[in-house]
Amino acid sequence: MSRSAGQASPLGPTPPPTSRREALQVALWVALMMLAFVAVQVWWEGHTELVFPDYHSADGNDGLRCAWDYYELFTKGQAWTTGRSICNPVAGAAMAAWGPEVAVARLSQVPFILGVTVLMAGIGWRFGRSRGAILLALGVTLSPWAWLFVRNYTRVPVSMFAVAATVFLLLISRNLTRPAVCAALGLAMGLGWLADLAYPLILAPITLIVAGRGLWKSRRSVFSLLVLLTTLVLLAVLMLDYASTPANRIPLPDRLVPLVVMNLWAATLLICLGVGRSGPWTPGTGLAVSVSLGGLLASPYLLYYREVRIGEMWVAQVEWNSPLLGGFWSFEACLRQYVCWLNGMALGGLMWLAAGTLLLAAWKPTRTVAWQVGLGALGTLAVLSWIVPPVYARYLAPYLPMFAILGFLWAARWRASYIACLVVMLGVGPLQVLGNMPPLEGALARAGLSGLLYDHPWYHSRAPLPDWRIPSVRDPMPVPSVLGQIPRGARVGLFLVDAQETAKFQERYLEHHFQVERLLPAPRVDLKNLEYVVVIAPASWTLPPDPRLRRLQEASPHPSFPPGMAFPRVYRRISGP
C-alpha cells in the first residue's frame, strides 16, 4: 500500500511543519537559550574563577599546557610538544586572537556546546516539531555537563559536538543509504576521532544498529564491508606495532608509517566510492565510506602525536588487568560509575533514559529511533564496561548524558506532558547548574532552601547513596586564583623548586603576564626592585633560612592543597630594613 505524502515512514523522521512562523519561533527560542548560555558563562568567568594556573591535576594542566603550546606556535612560531585533542589548537588560536588568558581557553569551547544545542534541537524538530526542538535544546542548556566541562577545559565539548552530529546524521541517513549524508557523517567521525580516540568505540554500536540488516542484503554491501574490515585489521596490527617499544617494531621508517596509514584509508574510500557508483547506494557502502573518510581526515594529526594517545588504552588494559585479559574488574563496578554520572548530570538520568526509551518506543513516529538509540546506548555501556577500568570511566561517561537528553523527546507527544516536563527542567536544571555559585548558595541559605541540594561526587569512582534532594555538581577546587592578586606587568621574582610539568606550565604563565626574574635560594637573593615573589613548590616546602627573605610576607596560603602537590604561593615584599 502506498503512503500518503503527509504520512511519515517508520524508518524516517516526521516531515517538518510547513508553518514558517512556527519555525521562526523555534529558532528564536533556541537562539535565546544559546545567548543565555554564553552570557552566564562569561559572567561566571568574571566572578568565580577556577585556579587552573595554580592547580588542576597531578599531571600538570596537560590540556591547558597543550593549548599554550599552540598559542606560542601561532604567535611566535615556536615548536609545540603534544596535542591531545583538536580542542587544543582551537584554544591556542583563540588566545592568539584575544590574549593568553585561561578564561579565553575555556570560552573557546563554548561554540561547540552551542553547536550541540542546535543539533539536538534539529533532532527534536524532526521527530517532535516545535515541542521536541525546545525540549532537547533546553535539555542541553540546563545539563551540568554542558557547563562544567567548559569550565574545566577538557576535550568533552568537542567530543559531544561530534557525537551530536553523528547521531543527527545517522537518524536522517535512511540506514546509511544517502551518499551526501554519509559524506557529512565521515566529517563528523573525523572530528570525533580528533577529539578522542575512544570515539569509534562509543559510537560503533549505534552506527551498526542504524545500518541494520541491510548490511548483508547485497553483494556490493558485503564487499564494501570486507574491504573496510581488511583495512581495520591491517591498521590494528600497524598501530599495535607503532605503540610498542622501538626494539620490537616492524622496521619501517617513522615517516613512512603515517603515509601507509593514510594510503590504506584512501584506498578503502576510493574502492567503496567506486562500488557506490556502480549501482544503488547500500548500507555497507555508506558505512565504509563514512568510516574511511573519517579515518583519512583524522590520521595525520593522531599519528603525529602517537606517543600520547595511541597506546594509552592498551596500557590501561595491561595495568588494570581488564576482563579482556582475564582481569578482575566487573561490569557491576563500571555500571555503578555510569549510573552515578547519569544521575548527577541530569536529575534521575537513568530513569529518563529507561523511561524515555520505552515511551518513545510506544510512539509511532519515534519507535525506530527509540530502539536504535536505546540499543546503541546499551551497546556503548557494554563496550566501555568491558575495556575501560572503573577508575577511568568518569572520563568517558560524559558521552552518556547525550542519550539521556534524547529521552526527554517523549514529552512532546502530549501538551500536558510537555508542560510538566518544562516545569521540571526549568525548576531542577538551574539549581543543578548554578548550585555551586556563591550568590545562589547565599540566597538559598537565607530562604531556608539550602537543604534542597546536595553535593554530588561526580568526580569519584563510586555511586552515591540514594538521596531525594537535587544533586549539585560542583567545580573541583573553586577557590580564587592566588596569581590573580598580582597586578599585570609587575616585576615578580620566581622560586621554581620543582621542574615537573605543573611547574613548567605555571612558569610559562607567569612569563606571559609578569616581568619574571629567576631567584635562587643561594648564594644571593636580591629583592631590591621586586614587589612580589612567587614560590612554586609542594606545600611542605619552606623558604630558605636567608635573612633577606624575612621581608616577605605570605599573601595567599592554601591549606586545602595536597601536601605533595606543587602550587604557587605569593609573597609580598614588606617595608623594613
Foldseek 3Di string as FASTA:
>chain_A
DDDDPQDDDLLAFHDFDPDPVLVVVLVVLLVVLLVVLLVVLVVCCVAFAFALLFDDDQQASVLLQLLVQLLCCVPPVDHGDFHQFPLSNLLSVQCNVVNSDPSSSLSSLSVLLSLLLQLQLVVLCRHQNSLGSNLLSLLSSLFQVNRQCSSSPALVSQLSSLVSLLLSLLNHCSLLQDQVSLQSLLVSLLSNCRSAVCSCLLQVQLNDVSNPPQCPPDPLSVVLLVLLVVLVVVVVVQLVLVQDDPVRHDPDPLVVSLVVNLVSLVVSLVVLVVSCVVDGGTSSSSVSNSNSSSSNNNSVSCSVNSNPHSCPLVVQCVVQVFVVNVHDDDLVLQVQLLCLQLCLRPPVLVVLLVVLLVLLCVDSSRVSVSVSLNSSLVSSSVSCSRRPDLLCSLVVSVNNVSSSSSSLSSLSPDPVSSVVSVVVSVVQSCCQNCVPPVVVCVVCVVVVNNVLEDARPSNDSGHDDDDPHRYHHDHPRSDDHQVVVDAFAAEEEEAEPDPRNNSVSSVVVCVSGYNYDYDDLDDDDDCPRHFKYKYWAFQPDDRPPDVVCVQWDWDDDDVVDDRHHTGITMTGGHDDD
